[in-house]
Amino acid sequence: MAMRPPTIRDVADRAGVSKSLVSLVLRGSDQVRPEKRDAVLRAVRELGYRPNAAARSLSEQRTRTVGVLLDDLRNPWFVDLLDGLNSLLHDNGLRMLLADARLNRRTGQDPAGPFLDLGVDGLIVIGTLPDAAALAAVAERLPVVVAGAREPVLPGVDVVANDDERGARLVTEHLIGLGHRRVAHIAGYGAVGELRRRSFEETMREHGLAQGAVVEPSDLTEEGGYRTTVRLLSRPDRPTAVFAVNDIAAIGVLSAADELGLRVPRDLSVVGYDNTSIARLRHVWLTTVDNAGHEVGRRAARCLLERFEGRGGEGRTHLTAAALEIRGTTAPPLTD
């Protein structure tokens, strides 16, 4: 005969406490004395107790799950963001359910619909979503936080992102400081792309280098970065430095430079943005902006937790600090 699984009463008996105190510990309450919490957690481990999530959801009228809608699974920066997000959610007894918004759009599905059907307690949107109206409707039903993007700005919705204007300024001033006078920016789209482009142009203008600033739009992909760089380097007054809107596009820049026989950074300096794992590969060693992905994720989780506790208030924008990581792809130009 199979042994029955341990119950919350078994845990309470083993720890010498009440069932209600065990429940407080399992919910992560800070109202339990450390020695009592340790006794309960020790009993949980010894008995192999696992809470009944379905029963707890019914009693609390919560599923203790958070929907995470990711705009683009291909962007490695989101990995750091998700790690920061999930670590804090997990510490607070919450599970993360992930969905690919890009795939849902291609199949004509409502990106947030499955999460509403599952009864998630809140929604975190990572990256830029095109349908602000649909998100506004969701925000009327449950707490919503936008992370890693600067739009949409909606009532009661927190936005957590990096200081893109500051990051682009750091890149541009670094290149100018090295002596570059002809600098190209491979731009992205959406509010984040616009902020980085505008900051680049303003910084070049402030240094009297507006004539040497070139902006080419792209699509945030390696292929886009490659094609755009081939065009840029075919110009008679080709740039001596390229600032790509993200690390993925910067890899395309490096590929194009290599195919055209240019050495980086001797013949061309290259800077990315995001400080992804790609940028940190030894054979890439890309100068880039660290936009604090892990911290963006943790702050997004904290905003959601505050809204669960009724402390969210009006929607706010939270910006993390940008920092320039100087590696091996930037150097003074040979000539100007």
Protein backbone atom coordinates (compact mmCIF):
# COMPACT_ATOMS: atom_id res chain seq x y z
CA MET A 1 0.00 0.00 0.00
CA ALA A 2 1.40 3.38 -1.02
CA MET A 3 2.23 5.81 1.74
CA ARG A 4 0.11 8.93 1.79
CA PRO A 5 1.95 12.20 1.09
CA PRO A 6 2.76 14.34 4.15
CA THR A 7 0.23 17.04 5.04
CA ILE A 8 0.52 20.48 6.57
CA ARG A 9 -0.62 18.93 9.87
CA ASP A 10 2.33 16.49 9.72
CA VAL A 11 4.69 19.43 9.24
CA ALA A 12 3.12 21.28 12.18
CA ASP A 13 3.40 18.21 14.43
CA ARG A 14 7.03 17.62 13.47
CA ALA A 15 7.96 21.28 14.04
CA GLY A 16 5.89 21.60 17.22
CA VAL A 17 3.87 24.56 15.92
CA SER A 18 0.34 25.29 14.71
CA LYS A 19 -0.93 24.74 11.18
CA SER A 20 -1.54 28.46 10.81
CA LEU A 21 2.10 29.21 11.62
CA VAL A 22 3.23 26.67 8.99
CA SER A 23 1.00 28.48 6.47
CA LEU A 24 2.61 31.79 7.36
CA VAL A 25 6.09 30.36 6.80
CA LEU A 26 5.12 28.81 3.44
CA ARG A 27 3.71 32.16 2.31
CA GLY A 28 7.00 33.89 3.15
CA SER A 29 5.54 36.00 5.95
CA ASP A 30 7.97 38.16 7.94
CA GLN A 31 5.78 37.82 11.06
CA VAL A 32 7.40 34.54 12.16
CA ARG A 33 10.34 34.34 14.56
CA PRO A 34 13.52 32.97 12.92
CA GLU A 35 13.72 29.90 15.18
CA LYS A 36 10.12 28.94 14.40
CA ARG A 37 10.68 29.46 10.67
CA ASP A 38 13.80 27.28 10.79
CA ALA A 39 11.90 24.52 12.60
CA VAL A 40 9.11 24.56 9.99
CA LEU A 41 11.51 24.56 7.03
CA ARG A 42 13.50 21.73 8.60
CA ALA A 43 10.29 19.70 9.01
CA VAL A 44 9.32 20.42 5.40
CA ARG A 45 12.69 19.08 4.20
CA GLU A 46 12.65 16.02 6.45
CA LEU A 47 9.11 15.04 5.47
CA GLY A 48 9.45 15.93 1.80
CA TYR A 49 6.31 18.05 2.08
CA ARG A 50 5.02 19.81 -1.05
CA PRO A 51 2.18 22.32 -0.73
CA ASN A 52 -0.98 21.60 -2.68
CA ALA A 53 -0.92 24.53 -5.09
CA ALA A 54 -4.47 24.00 -6.31
CA ALA A 55 -5.94 23.89 -2.80
CA ARG A 56 -3.96 26.91 -1.72
CA SER A 57 -5.12 28.85 -4.78
CA LEU A 58 -8.74 28.16 -3.87
CA SER A 59 -8.30 29.22 -0.26
CA GLU A 60 -6.35 32.37 -1.10
CA GLN A 61 -8.26 33.15 -4.30
CA ARG A 62 -4.85 33.50 -5.95
CA THR A 63 -2.88 31.24 -8.28
CA ARG A 64 0.51 32.58 -7.11
CA THR A 65 1.57 32.71 -10.75
CA VAL A 66 2.80 35.66 -12.80
CA GLY A 67 2.42 35.83 -16.56
CA VAL A 68 5.50 37.01 -18.44
CA LEU A 69 4.93 38.11 -22.02
CA LEU A 70 8.24 38.31 -23.88
CA ASP A 71 8.44 40.33 -27.09
CA ASP A 72 11.40 38.50 -28.64
CA LEU A 73 12.86 35.24 -27.36
CA ARG A 74 15.87 35.70 -29.67
CA ASN A 75 17.31 38.67 -27.78
CA PRO A 76 19.92 37.38 -25.28
CA TRP A 77 19.61 40.52 -23.11
CA PHE A 78 16.23 39.29 -21.96
CA VAL A 79 17.93 36.27 -20.35
CA ASP A 80 19.56 38.53 -17.73
CA LEU A 81 16.28 40.36 -17.21
CA LEU A 82 14.36 37.11 -16.73
CA ASP A 83 16.97 35.86 -14.26
CA GLY A 84 16.56 38.95 -12.09
CA LEU A 85 12.81 38.81 -12.40
CA ASN A 86 12.42 35.14 -11.58
CA SER A 87 14.82 35.20 -8.61
CA LEU A 88 12.69 37.73 -6.72
CA LEU A 89 9.39 36.16 -7.73
CA HIS A 90 10.65 32.77 -6.54
CA ASP A 91 11.80 34.24 -3.24
CA ASN A 92 8.23 35.44 -2.72
CA GLY A 93 6.58 32.11 -3.53
CA LEU A 94 5.50 33.04 -7.06
CA ARG A 95 5.86 31.02 -10.25
CA MET A 96 6.60 32.53 -13.65
CA LEU A 97 4.66 31.47 -16.78
CA LEU A 98 6.38 32.55 -20.01
CA ALA A 99 4.82 33.21 -23.42
CA ASP A 100 6.28 34.41 -26.73
CA ALA A 101 4.37 37.49 -27.87
CA ARG A 102 5.92 37.39 -31.34
CA LEU A 103 4.62 33.87 -31.96
CA ASN A 104 1.17 34.77 -30.66
CA ARG A 105 0.97 37.72 -33.05
CA ARG A 106 1.94 35.57 -36.03
CA THR A 107 -0.81 33.08 -35.20
CA GLY A 108 -3.37 35.82 -34.59
CA GLN A 109 -3.77 35.04 -30.88
CA ASP A 110 -4.38 37.60 -28.17
CA PRO A 111 -0.95 37.65 -26.45
CA ALA A 112 -2.35 38.11 -22.93
CA GLY A 113 -5.49 35.99 -23.40
CA PRO A 114 -4.05 32.65 -22.21
CA PHE A 115 -2.74 34.31 -19.04
CA LEU A 116 -6.18 35.72 -18.25
CA ASP A 117 -7.70 32.27 -18.82
CA LEU A 118 -5.20 30.77 -16.37
CA GLY A 119 -6.06 33.41 -13.78
CA VAL A 120 -2.54 34.75 -13.22
CA ASP A 121 -2.17 37.24 -10.37
CA GLY A 122 -0.25 39.75 -12.49
CA LEU A 123 1.42 40.33 -15.84
CA ILE A 124 4.93 41.51 -16.72
CA VAL A 125 5.47 42.58 -20.33
CA ILE A 126 9.10 42.44 -21.48
CA GLY A 127 9.96 44.48 -24.56
CA THR A 128 7.76 46.58 -26.81
CA LEU A 129 4.29 45.35 -27.69
CA PRO A 130 2.42 47.00 -30.58
CA ASP A 131 -1.11 46.87 -29.14
CA ALA A 132 -1.25 49.36 -26.27
CA ALA A 133 -5.05 49.30 -26.18
CA ALA A 134 -5.13 45.56 -25.48
CA LEU A 135 -2.61 45.98 -22.68
CA ALA A 136 -4.64 48.83 -21.18
CA ALA A 137 -7.67 46.53 -21.04
CA VAL A 138 -5.62 43.88 -19.21
CA ALA A 139 -4.30 46.50 -16.77
CA GLU A 140 -7.89 47.25 -15.73
CA ARG A 141 -8.26 43.63 -14.55
CA LEU A 142 -4.91 42.85 -12.91
CA PRO A 143 -1.53 44.47 -12.04
CA VAL A 144 0.73 45.02 -15.07
CA VAL A 145 4.39 46.06 -15.28
CA VAL A 146 6.34 46.84 -18.48
CA ALA A 147 10.06 45.95 -18.34
CA GLY A 148 12.91 46.65 -20.74
CA ALA A 149 10.85 49.10 -22.83
CA ARG A 150 9.68 52.69 -22.56
CA GLU A 151 6.21 52.27 -23.96
CA PRO A 152 3.32 52.11 -23.66
CA VAL A 153 2.77 54.57 -20.81
CA LEU A 154 -0.59 53.61 -19.31
CA PRO A 155 -2.49 54.58 -16.14
CA GLY A 156 -1.49 52.43 -13.19
CA VAL A 157 1.22 50.57 -15.15
CA ASP A 158 4.85 50.81 -13.99
CA VAL A 159 7.63 50.96 -16.59
CA VAL A 160 11.09 49.69 -15.63
CA ALA A 161 13.93 50.23 -18.10
CA ASN A 162 17.49 51.39 -18.56
CA ASP A 163 18.49 55.04 -18.95
CA ASP A 164 18.88 54.80 -22.74
CA GLU A 165 19.70 58.48 -23.22
CA ARG A 166 22.55 58.30 -20.72
CA GLY A 167 23.85 55.04 -22.23
CA ALA A 168 23.96 56.44 -25.77
CA ARG A 169 25.70 59.59 -24.51
CA LEU A 170 28.37 57.48 -22.79
CA VAL A 171 29.05 55.62 -26.05
CA THR A 172 29.21 58.76 -28.17
CA GLU A 173 31.45 60.65 -25.76
CA HIS A 174 33.77 57.63 -25.53
CA LEU A 175 34.19 57.56 -29.32
CA ILE A 176 34.65 61.33 -29.53
CA GLY A 177 37.20 61.15 -26.72
CA LEU A 178 39.20 58.61 -28.73
CA GLY A 179 39.34 61.09 -31.61
CA HIS A 180 36.58 59.82 -33.89
CA ARG A 181 34.89 62.55 -35.94
CA ARG A 182 32.85 60.44 -38.38
CA VAL A 183 30.58 58.17 -36.36
CA ALA A 184 27.62 56.15 -37.63
CA HIS A 185 24.72 54.96 -35.53
CA ILE A 186 22.76 51.90 -36.59
CA ALA A 187 19.40 52.78 -35.07
CA GLY A 188 16.52 50.65 -33.85
CA TYR A 189 12.80 51.29 -33.59
CA GLY A 190 10.27 52.11 -30.89
CA ALA A 191 10.79 54.47 -27.98
CA VAL A 192 14.06 52.83 -26.89
CA GLY A 193 15.54 53.12 -30.39
CA GLU A 194 14.38 56.73 -30.63
CA LEU A 195 15.94 57.67 -27.28
CA ARG A 196 19.30 56.15 -28.21
CA ARG A 197 19.31 57.79 -31.67
CA ARG A 198 18.33 61.21 -30.37
CA SER A 199 20.95 61.12 -27.61
CA PHE A 200 23.65 60.14 -30.13
CA GLU A 201 22.73 63.02 -32.44
CA GLU A 202 22.52 65.56 -29.62
CA THR A 203 25.91 64.55 -28.22
CA MET A 204 27.57 64.77 -31.63
CA ARG A 205 25.98 68.18 -32.17
CA GLU A 206 27.11 69.45 -28.76
CA HIS A 207 30.69 68.61 -29.73
CA GLY A 208 30.39 70.39 -33.09
CA LEU A 209 30.33 67.11 -35.01
CA ALA A 210 26.82 67.12 -36.45
CA GLN A 211 28.24 66.86 -39.99
CA GLY A 212 30.07 63.68 -39.05
CA ALA A 213 27.03 61.95 -37.54
CA VAL A 214 25.30 59.39 -39.76
CA VAL A 215 22.15 57.50 -38.76
CA GLU A 216 20.97 54.39 -40.58
CA PRO A 217 17.80 52.57 -39.47
CA SER A 218 17.87 48.83 -38.94
CA ASP A 219 15.84 46.06 -37.35
CA LEU A 220 17.88 45.01 -34.26
CA THR A 221 19.09 41.79 -35.97
CA GLU A 222 22.57 40.56 -36.93
CA GLU A 223 21.57 40.49 -40.59
CA GLY A 224 20.28 44.04 -40.36
CA GLY A 225 23.50 45.19 -38.74
CA TYR A 226 25.52 43.45 -41.45
CA ARG A 227 23.62 44.92 -44.40
CA THR A 228 23.59 48.41 -42.93
CA THR A 229 27.34 48.30 -42.27
CA VAL A 230 28.10 47.20 -45.83
CA ARG A 231 26.27 50.32 -47.03
CA LEU A 232 28.02 52.54 -44.50
CA LEU A 233 31.49 51.27 -45.31
CA SER A 234 30.90 51.70 -49.04
CA ARG A 235 30.59 55.47 -48.60
CA PRO A 236 33.54 57.59 -49.80
CA ASP A 237 33.59 59.26 -46.37
CA ARG A 238 33.09 56.03 -44.47
CA PRO A 239 32.80 56.30 -40.68
CA THR A 240 35.72 55.41 -38.47
CA ALA A 241 33.37 54.14 -35.75
CA VAL A 242 29.95 52.47 -35.64
CA PHE A 243 27.60 52.53 -32.66
CA ALA A 244 25.01 49.76 -33.02
CA VAL A 245 21.66 49.92 -31.23
CA ASN A 246 22.26 46.52 -29.62
CA ASP A 247 24.88 43.79 -29.34
CA ILE A 248 23.21 41.55 -31.93
CA ALA A 249 23.40 44.26 -34.59
CA ALA A 250 27.00 44.93 -33.53
CA ILE A 251 27.90 41.33 -34.38
CA GLY A 252 26.64 42.05 -37.90
CA VAL A 253 28.90 45.12 -37.97
CA LEU A 254 31.91 42.99 -37.05
CA SER A 255 31.06 40.44 -39.76
CA ALA A 256 30.75 43.12 -42.43
CA ALA A 257 34.03 44.75 -41.42
CA ASP A 258 35.81 41.41 -41.57
CA GLU A 259 34.44 40.60 -45.04
CA LEU A 260 35.54 44.02 -46.31
CA GLY A 261 39.06 43.47 -45.01
CA LEU A 262 38.88 45.97 -42.14
CA ARG A 263 40.42 45.15 -38.79
CA VAL A 264 38.60 46.05 -35.56
CA PRO A 265 39.53 48.28 -33.81
CA ARG A 266 42.52 49.30 -35.94
CA ASP A 267 40.44 50.33 -38.98
CA LEU A 268 37.00 50.58 -37.41
CA SER A 269 35.78 50.94 -33.84
CA VAL A 270 32.53 49.16 -32.95
CA VAL A 271 30.25 49.60 -29.93
CA GLY A 272 27.08 47.69 -29.05
CA TYR A 273 24.44 48.07 -26.38
CA ASP A 274 23.10 45.61 -23.75
CA ASN A 275 26.27 43.87 -22.49
CA THR A 276 24.86 40.48 -23.36
CA SER A 277 26.74 37.18 -23.02
CA ILE A 278 27.67 37.57 -26.70
CA ALA A 279 29.60 40.77 -25.96
CA ARG A 280 31.53 39.00 -23.22
CA LEU A 281 32.75 36.15 -25.43
CA ARG A 282 36.55 36.31 -25.53
CA HIS A 283 36.85 36.31 -29.31
CA VAL A 284 34.25 39.10 -29.57
CA TRP A 285 35.11 41.20 -26.47
CA LEU A 286 32.76 43.96 -27.55
CA THR A 287 32.72 47.46 -26.07
CA THR A 288 29.09 47.97 -25.08
CA VAL A 289 26.68 49.54 -22.60
CA ASP A 290 25.70 47.53 -19.56
CA ASN A 291 22.01 48.34 -19.16
CA ALA A 292 21.58 46.40 -15.92
CA GLY A 293 19.25 43.70 -17.22
CA HIS A 294 19.28 41.74 -13.96
CA GLU A 295 18.41 44.86 -11.97
CA VAL A 296 15.63 45.80 -14.42
CA GLY A 297 14.13 42.35 -13.83
CA ARG A 298 14.34 42.63 -10.05
CA ARG A 299 12.81 46.11 -10.04
CA ALA A 300 9.98 44.93 -12.28
CA ALA A 301 9.26 42.11 -9.84
CA ARG A 302 9.39 44.55 -6.92
CA CYS A 303 6.90 46.88 -8.64
CA LEU A 304 4.52 43.97 -9.16
CA LEU A 305 4.86 42.83 -5.55
CA GLU A 306 4.08 46.34 -4.35
CA ARG A 307 0.94 46.38 -6.47
CA PHE A 308 -0.10 43.04 -4.97
CA GLU A 309 0.19 44.72 -1.58
CA GLY A 310 -1.89 47.69 -2.72
CA ARG A 311 1.07 50.08 -2.70
CA GLY A 312 1.45 50.69 -6.43
CA GLY A 313 -0.41 53.97 -6.91
CA GLU A 314 -0.11 55.74 -10.23
CA GLY A 315 2.10 54.26 -12.90
CA ARG A 316 5.73 55.32 -12.58
CA THR A 317 8.85 55.06 -14.75
CA HIS A 318 11.90 53.56 -13.04
CA LEU A 319 15.28 53.88 -14.80
CA THR A 320 18.39 51.86 -13.95
CA ALA A 321 21.85 53.37 -14.41
CA ALA A 322 23.77 52.74 -17.63
CA ALA A 323 27.50 51.98 -17.56
CA LEU A 324 30.00 51.73 -20.41
CA GLU A 325 32.01 48.50 -20.61
CA ILE A 326 35.16 49.28 -22.59
CA ARG A 327 36.66 46.14 -24.13
CA GLY A 328 38.59 45.37 -27.29
CA THR A 329 36.59 46.83 -30.17
CA THR A 330 37.32 50.54 -29.73
CA ALA A 331 40.53 52.49 -30.29
CA PRO A 332 41.64 55.87 -31.71
CA PRO A 333 41.17 56.18 -35.49
CA LEU A 334 44.23 55.77 -37.72
CA THR A 335 43.40 58.94 -39.64
CA ASP A 336 40.49 61.34 -39.70
